[in-house]
Amino acid sequence: MHKTLRRVASVFVLILLTVFPFNPAAARPFAVNYSLKGIVQVVENVPCLYTADGRVFRLLLDMKEAVKYNGKAVNIEGKVAQSDDIENVKVKKIRIVEEEDLQEPEVAHEAYQRPAKLLSEAEGKATVANVRWDIHQDAQSEEPKAVHTWQDVTIDTRKVVKACLMVKPFAPKFLAAHTLLGFSFEKGGVVTKDGRESDNIFLTIEAYKKLGQTYGLLKTMKKNFDIVWILTTLGNYADLNVNYNKDTDKEIFIYPINLTPEQTRALLAEMIKQSCVNRKGEYYHTIRNNCTNNLMILLNHVLPENKKIKLWKIPSMIYNPKATMPVSVVKMLKKKDLIGEASFIITKDNFITDLKQAK
């Protein structure tokens, strides 16, 4: 019986491949929504989009269709595979626009959000602009209101000690949380331009809120928010969320990640690289492009095959909850022995700003 079913299935697959020839691009899952403007140029039979800020994307678009737009200014709605693979855009919609519309005006975002930018990189050190550093009370406000400063920071990947996952639950706590990836360092590992130091650096991936926008889990299921990768310190993030934000959930859990020193250095280098990617036009999504699944994508860069995290249940249709839902992700990482129990829980009464205090 089973052999008969296998033969029928094989014949069915053969018929499908004959009628619908295999296309690797079409078969690949595409998770992340993008909106881009630029000039289409067909280069050696490859349609490309050149944006005003200097980026180049390969367009996965029928060649006959691409030729219609060759040399023209266009607006494209499409998808890329995932956050670390954005060069190929599967085009969903394309329309011609005026060339003067290619230069898009800057949009004001919330003051606590800025994308990291790579300034230089050499000999294991990366200097990054827009790292969120100090935090203090706004003197003009009677209510708790945080004001942040931003620094150019040099990160020495050779001085990294440990990676950790940080989780901050929020309502509904059985479902929702914000997750961050962090690293602890030896002295001299994280230094500002004016010589100030931190023993840690953290990545927080967030919905990039324009002024006046309000966050909501359902709102991020649609193309309402851009995405931003922010580098900050434990002191800044913990202070903001424990002492300033009005959220009633104040606990922050720290889980050391069980990696080798080589894996930890490689993960830090990949985090810096991906944090500094220009993501203009990329949309945040509650499930497929969020604070958690992007950390799993980063982890997959350094994990052996037997521990890699499966991102899709059904490619392009159902994303794996164990790779994107924070509560499920923590359970999955424990099962894979990538984390254990939380080494520290930050609260208002148990407040720390240095990772060395979390041992």
Protein backbone atom coordinates (compact mmCIF):
# COMPACT_ATOMS: atom_id res chain seq x y z
CA MET A 1 0.00 0.00 0.00
CA HIS A 2 2.75 2.45 1.03
CA LYS A 3 4.80 1.62 -2.08
CA THR A 4 1.76 2.30 -4.27
CA LEU A 5 1.20 5.67 -2.60
CA ARG A 6 4.85 6.57 -3.06
CA ARG A 7 4.68 5.69 -6.78
CA VAL A 8 1.51 7.79 -7.21
CA ALA A 9 3.14 10.70 -5.38
CA SER A 10 6.27 10.45 -7.56
CA VAL A 11 4.22 10.48 -10.76
CA PHE A 12 2.22 13.48 -9.46
CA VAL A 13 5.41 15.42 -8.71
CA LEU A 14 6.81 14.55 -12.15
CA ILE A 15 3.64 15.86 -13.83
CA LEU A 16 3.82 19.08 -11.80
CA LEU A 17 7.47 19.64 -12.76
CA THR A 18 6.64 19.02 -16.42
CA VAL A 19 3.66 21.37 -16.49
CA PHE A 20 5.21 23.93 -14.12
CA PRO A 21 9.01 23.89 -14.59
CA PHE A 22 10.96 24.30 -11.34
CA ASN A 23 11.95 27.86 -10.59
CA PRO A 24 14.29 28.21 -7.55
CA ALA A 25 13.21 31.83 -7.00
CA ALA A 26 9.52 30.94 -7.08
CA ALA A 27 10.02 27.94 -4.78
CA ARG A 28 11.93 29.92 -2.18
CA PRO A 29 10.00 31.37 0.78
CA PHE A 30 9.75 35.18 0.82
CA ALA A 31 8.94 36.64 4.22
CA VAL A 32 9.65 40.37 4.27
CA ASN A 33 7.63 43.13 2.61
CA TYR A 34 9.50 45.91 0.82
CA SER A 35 8.52 49.16 -0.88
CA LEU A 36 11.19 50.76 -3.08
CA LYS A 37 11.66 53.53 -5.62
CA GLY A 38 14.41 53.64 -8.20
CA ILE A 39 15.49 53.26 -11.80
CA VAL A 40 15.14 49.90 -13.55
CA GLN A 41 18.15 48.80 -15.57
CA VAL A 42 18.41 45.46 -17.34
CA VAL A 43 22.08 44.47 -17.03
CA GLU A 44 23.23 41.32 -18.86
CA ASN A 45 19.65 40.03 -18.88
CA VAL A 46 19.26 40.67 -15.16
CA PRO A 47 16.68 43.32 -14.20
CA CYS A 48 17.99 45.53 -11.39
CA LEU A 49 16.68 48.47 -9.40
CA TYR A 50 19.00 51.35 -8.56
CA THR A 51 17.76 53.53 -5.68
CA ALA A 52 18.58 57.18 -5.06
CA ASP A 53 20.56 56.30 -1.92
CA GLY A 54 22.92 54.00 -3.82
CA ARG A 55 21.46 50.55 -3.20
CA VAL A 56 21.10 47.94 -5.94
CA PHE A 57 18.46 45.19 -5.90
CA ARG A 58 18.01 42.29 -8.30
CA LEU A 59 14.38 42.14 -9.41
CA LEU A 60 12.73 38.73 -9.64
CA LEU A 61 10.47 39.74 -12.50
CA ASP A 62 9.53 38.25 -15.85
CA MET A 63 12.02 39.54 -18.42
CA LYS A 64 9.33 40.63 -20.88
CA GLU A 65 7.79 42.68 -18.10
CA ALA A 66 11.18 44.05 -17.00
CA VAL A 67 12.00 45.31 -20.49
CA LYS A 68 8.86 47.49 -20.42
CA TYR A 69 10.34 49.42 -17.50
CA ASN A 70 13.99 49.47 -18.55
CA GLY A 71 15.45 52.94 -17.89
CA LYS A 72 12.29 54.19 -16.16
CA ALA A 73 11.66 55.46 -12.64
CA VAL A 74 9.37 53.10 -10.78
CA ASN A 75 7.78 52.29 -7.44
CA ILE A 76 7.98 48.62 -6.52
CA GLU A 77 6.04 46.62 -3.95
CA GLY A 78 7.56 43.24 -3.32
CA LYS A 79 9.16 40.78 -0.93
CA VAL A 80 12.64 39.61 0.01
CA ALA A 81 13.54 36.25 1.53
CA GLN A 82 14.51 37.41 5.03
CA SER A 83 16.41 40.15 6.85
CA ASP A 84 19.89 38.84 5.99
CA ASP A 85 19.04 38.24 2.32
CA ILE A 86 17.52 41.39 0.88
CA GLU A 87 19.32 41.75 -2.46
CA ASN A 88 16.69 39.84 -4.45
CA VAL A 89 13.22 41.39 -4.56
CA LYS A 90 10.29 39.31 -5.74
CA VAL A 91 8.13 41.94 -7.46
CA LYS A 92 4.42 42.00 -6.66
CA LYS A 93 3.49 45.41 -8.09
CA ILE A 94 5.38 47.87 -10.23
CA ARG A 95 4.34 51.27 -11.55
CA ILE A 96 6.05 54.18 -13.27
CA VAL A 97 6.63 57.37 -11.25
CA GLU A 98 8.18 60.75 -11.98
CA GLU A 99 11.96 60.88 -11.57
CA GLU A 100 11.67 63.80 -9.14
CA ASP A 101 9.66 61.47 -6.86
CA LEU A 102 12.69 59.21 -6.36
CA GLN A 103 14.17 61.57 -3.77
CA GLU A 104 11.93 60.89 -0.81
CA PRO A 105 11.86 63.43 2.04
CA GLU A 106 13.11 62.32 5.44
CA VAL A 107 10.34 61.32 7.84
CA ALA A 108 10.56 62.20 11.54
CA HIS A 109 10.54 59.17 13.85
CA GLU A 110 10.40 58.78 17.61
CA ALA A 111 13.43 60.28 19.36
CA TYR A 112 14.43 57.00 21.04
CA GLN A 113 14.82 55.19 17.69
CA ARG A 114 17.75 55.56 15.28
CA PRO A 115 19.21 52.96 12.92
CA ALA A 116 22.83 52.01 13.55
CA LYS A 117 25.36 53.03 10.88
CA LEU A 118 28.77 51.49 10.23
CA LEU A 119 31.53 54.14 10.15
CA SER A 120 34.60 51.92 9.85
CA GLU A 121 35.76 48.34 10.30
CA ALA A 122 39.29 46.96 10.63
CA GLU A 123 41.26 44.35 12.60
CA GLY A 124 38.30 43.04 14.58
CA LYS A 125 37.00 46.49 15.52
CA ALA A 126 33.84 48.13 14.18
CA THR A 127 32.98 51.77 14.81
CA VAL A 128 29.23 52.34 14.72
CA ALA A 129 27.23 55.59 14.81
CA ASN A 130 23.85 56.03 16.52
CA VAL A 131 24.34 53.81 19.54
CA ARG A 132 21.79 54.76 22.22
CA TRP A 133 23.78 55.48 25.37
CA ASP A 134 22.78 57.86 28.20
CA ILE A 135 19.27 58.28 29.53
CA HIS A 136 17.93 60.97 31.85
CA GLN A 137 14.69 62.65 32.88
CA ASP A 138 13.31 65.38 30.62
CA ALA A 139 13.57 68.54 32.75
CA GLN A 140 10.54 69.99 30.96
CA SER A 141 8.22 67.14 32.00
CA GLU A 142 6.61 66.51 35.38
CA GLU A 143 5.84 62.91 34.37
CA PRO A 144 8.61 60.32 33.86
CA LYS A 145 9.91 61.05 30.36
CA ALA A 146 13.22 59.71 29.06
CA VAL A 147 15.70 61.70 27.02
CA HIS A 148 18.49 59.78 25.27
CA THR A 149 21.95 60.62 24.00
CA TRP A 150 23.59 58.88 21.06
CA GLN A 151 27.24 57.96 20.61
CA ASP A 152 29.74 56.77 18.05
CA VAL A 153 31.01 53.53 19.59
CA THR A 154 33.91 51.21 18.77
CA ILE A 155 33.13 47.53 19.38
CA ASP A 156 36.10 45.15 19.64
CA THR A 157 34.88 41.69 18.65
CA ARG A 158 38.09 40.14 20.03
CA LYS A 159 37.10 41.17 23.55
CA VAL A 160 33.63 39.59 23.56
CA VAL A 161 32.97 37.16 26.42
CA LYS A 162 29.40 35.86 26.22
CA ALA A 163 26.21 36.19 24.21
CA CYS A 164 22.79 36.37 25.85
CA LEU A 165 19.11 36.55 25.02
CA MET A 166 17.12 39.16 26.91
CA VAL A 167 13.33 38.87 27.17
CA LYS A 168 10.89 41.50 28.39
CA PRO A 169 7.30 40.17 28.60
CA PHE A 170 4.32 42.43 28.08
CA ALA A 171 0.56 41.91 27.96
CA PRO A 172 -0.75 39.41 27.05
CA LYS A 173 2.24 37.75 28.77
CA PHE A 174 1.33 34.20 27.69
CA LEU A 175 1.90 35.34 24.11
CA ALA A 176 3.86 38.59 23.87
CA ALA A 177 7.36 39.73 24.75
CA HIS A 178 10.19 41.76 23.34
CA THR A 179 13.50 39.96 22.81
CA LEU A 180 17.00 41.37 22.45
CA LEU A 181 20.42 39.92 21.63
CA GLY A 182 23.27 41.06 23.86
CA PHE A 183 26.98 40.53 24.43
CA SER A 184 29.29 41.02 27.41
CA PHE A 185 32.89 42.17 26.99
CA GLU A 186 36.25 42.40 28.67
CA LYS A 187 37.46 45.91 29.54
CA GLY A 188 37.90 47.99 26.38
CA GLY A 189 35.34 46.03 24.37
CA VAL A 190 32.76 48.81 23.94
CA VAL A 191 34.16 52.35 23.97
CA THR A 192 32.62 55.68 22.95
CA LYS A 193 34.41 58.33 20.94
CA ASP A 194 35.15 60.28 24.15
CA GLY A 195 36.50 57.21 25.97
CA ARG A 196 33.52 56.06 28.03
CA GLU A 197 33.00 52.30 28.34
CA SER A 198 30.26 49.70 28.67
CA ASP A 199 30.72 46.02 29.44
CA ASN A 200 27.87 45.17 27.05
CA ILE A 201 26.02 45.98 23.84
CA PHE A 202 22.47 44.98 22.89
CA LEU A 203 20.43 44.81 19.70
CA THR A 204 16.74 45.70 19.84
CA ILE A 205 14.72 45.29 16.62
CA GLU A 206 11.56 47.36 16.62
CA ALA A 207 8.69 48.76 14.61
CA TYR A 208 10.11 52.13 13.50
CA LYS A 209 7.46 54.56 14.68
CA LYS A 210 6.84 57.78 12.80
CA LEU A 211 5.84 60.67 15.03
CA GLY A 212 2.23 60.17 16.04
CA GLN A 213 2.12 56.43 15.30
CA THR A 214 1.02 54.07 18.07
CA TYR A 215 2.22 50.49 18.26
CA GLY A 216 -0.14 47.49 18.25
CA LEU A 217 0.34 43.77 17.54
CA LEU A 218 -2.47 43.73 14.99
CA LYS A 219 -1.26 46.94 13.35
CA THR A 220 2.09 45.31 12.61
CA MET A 221 0.39 42.48 10.72
CA LYS A 222 0.03 44.95 7.85
CA LYS A 223 2.45 47.34 6.17
CA ASN A 224 2.07 50.12 8.74
CA PHE A 225 5.57 50.33 10.22
CA ASP A 226 9.08 50.45 8.89
CA ILE A 227 11.69 48.43 10.80
CA VAL A 228 14.69 49.68 12.78
CA TRP A 229 17.67 47.81 14.26
CA ILE A 230 18.93 49.77 17.29
CA LEU A 231 22.16 49.21 19.20
CA THR A 232 22.06 50.23 22.85
CA THR A 233 23.37 49.26 26.29
CA LEU A 234 21.76 47.26 29.08
CA GLY A 235 21.82 50.38 31.24
CA ASN A 236 19.84 52.39 28.72
CA TYR A 237 17.31 49.68 27.83
CA ALA A 238 16.69 48.50 31.38
CA ASP A 239 16.37 52.03 32.74
CA LEU A 240 13.93 52.97 29.98
CA ASN A 241 11.71 49.95 30.50
CA VAL A 242 11.86 49.59 34.29
CA ASN A 243 11.98 53.21 35.43
CA TYR A 244 10.41 55.28 32.64
CA ASN A 245 7.92 53.34 30.54
CA LYS A 246 4.36 53.14 31.84
CA ASP A 247 4.11 49.43 31.04
CA THR A 248 3.01 47.53 34.15
CA ASP A 249 5.23 44.54 33.23
CA LYS A 250 8.68 45.51 34.54
CA GLU A 251 10.56 42.18 34.62
CA ILE A 252 13.43 41.59 32.18
CA PHE A 253 14.91 38.07 31.90
CA ILE A 254 18.53 37.41 30.89
CA TYR A 255 19.46 34.01 29.42
CA PRO A 256 23.12 33.25 28.59
CA ILE A 257 23.43 31.55 25.18
CA ASN A 258 25.51 28.35 25.09
CA LEU A 259 27.97 29.05 22.27
CA THR A 260 31.68 28.46 21.78
CA PRO A 261 33.99 31.50 21.84
CA GLU A 262 34.33 31.24 18.04
CA GLN A 263 30.56 31.12 17.58
CA THR A 264 30.11 34.08 19.92
CA ARG A 265 32.59 36.23 17.97
CA ALA A 266 30.99 35.24 14.67
CA LEU A 267 27.51 36.03 16.01
CA LEU A 268 28.65 39.45 17.23
CA ALA A 269 30.23 40.24 13.86
CA GLU A 270 27.04 39.21 12.04
CA MET A 271 24.89 41.25 14.43
CA ILE A 272 26.97 44.37 13.75
CA LYS A 273 26.85 43.77 10.00
CA GLN A 274 23.09 43.27 9.85
CA SER A 275 22.36 46.09 12.32
CA CYS A 276 24.06 48.56 9.98
CA VAL A 277 22.21 47.52 6.79
CA ASN A 278 20.17 50.30 5.18
CA ARG A 279 16.60 48.98 5.64
CA LYS A 280 14.69 51.91 4.19
CA GLY A 281 11.54 50.52 2.60
CA GLU A 282 11.49 47.37 4.75
CA TYR A 283 8.38 46.67 6.83
CA TYR A 284 8.14 45.27 10.33
CA HIS A 285 5.75 42.32 10.69
CA THR A 286 4.38 40.74 13.89
CA ILE A 287 5.32 37.22 12.75
CA ARG A 288 7.68 37.21 9.78
CA ASN A 289 9.95 40.19 10.44
CA ASN A 290 10.03 40.97 14.13
CA CYS A 291 12.31 41.35 17.15
CA THR A 292 12.50 37.60 17.73
CA ASN A 293 12.64 35.75 14.42
CA ASN A 294 15.46 38.03 13.23
CA LEU A 295 17.54 36.98 16.23
CA MET A 296 16.94 33.34 15.24
CA ILE A 297 18.13 34.20 11.72
CA LEU A 298 21.31 35.66 13.22
CA LEU A 299 21.80 32.57 15.40
CA ASN A 300 21.47 30.29 12.37
CA HIS A 301 24.62 31.89 10.95
CA VAL A 302 26.74 30.26 13.66
CA LEU A 303 24.84 27.10 14.62
CA PRO A 304 25.74 23.64 13.28
CA GLU A 305 23.19 22.00 10.98
CA ASN A 306 21.74 19.81 13.73
CA LYS A 307 20.91 22.87 15.86
CA LYS A 308 19.76 25.32 13.21
CA ILE A 309 16.32 26.81 13.80
CA LYS A 310 13.64 25.94 11.26
CA LEU A 311 11.97 29.18 10.18
CA TRP A 312 8.96 27.89 8.22
CA LYS A 313 6.33 25.22 8.84
CA ILE A 314 5.08 25.57 5.24
CA PRO A 315 7.37 27.81 3.12
CA SER A 316 5.82 31.17 2.21
CA MET A 317 2.61 30.23 4.00
CA ILE A 318 3.03 29.32 7.67
CA TYR A 319 5.95 30.64 9.72
CA ASN A 320 7.22 28.38 12.50
CA PRO A 321 5.83 29.67 15.85
CA LYS A 322 8.91 28.23 17.58
CA ALA A 323 11.06 30.65 15.57
CA THR A 324 9.03 33.80 16.03
CA MET A 325 6.75 33.74 19.10
CA PRO A 326 8.90 34.74 22.12
CA VAL A 327 7.39 32.31 24.64
CA SER A 328 7.72 29.40 22.19
CA VAL A 329 11.23 30.49 21.16
CA VAL A 330 12.48 30.36 24.75
CA LYS A 331 11.10 26.81 25.14
CA MET A 332 12.63 25.75 21.81
CA LEU A 333 16.07 27.18 22.68
CA LYS A 334 15.99 25.35 26.01
CA LYS A 335 15.12 22.10 24.26
CA LYS A 336 18.09 22.58 21.91
CA ASP A 337 20.27 23.32 24.97
CA LEU A 338 21.12 26.74 23.56
CA ILE A 339 19.91 28.45 26.73
CA GLY A 340 19.10 27.31 30.27
CA GLU A 341 17.13 29.04 32.97
CA ALA A 342 17.39 32.81 33.30
CA SER A 343 20.61 33.80 35.06
CA PHE A 344 19.09 37.07 36.28
CA ILE A 345 15.75 38.86 36.39
CA ILE A 346 15.89 42.66 36.35
CA THR A 347 13.14 44.40 38.30
CA LYS A 348 12.66 47.80 39.89
CA ASP A 349 13.98 46.36 43.18
CA ASN A 350 16.69 44.26 41.55
CA PHE A 351 18.06 46.75 39.05
CA ILE A 352 21.39 46.36 37.25
CA THR A 353 23.08 48.11 34.34
CA ASP A 354 26.16 45.88 33.81
CA LEU A 355 26.07 42.29 32.58
CA LYS A 356 28.82 41.29 35.01
CA GLN A 357 26.25 41.83 37.75
CA ALA A 358 23.95 39.24 36.12
CA LYS A 359 26.22 36.25 36.73
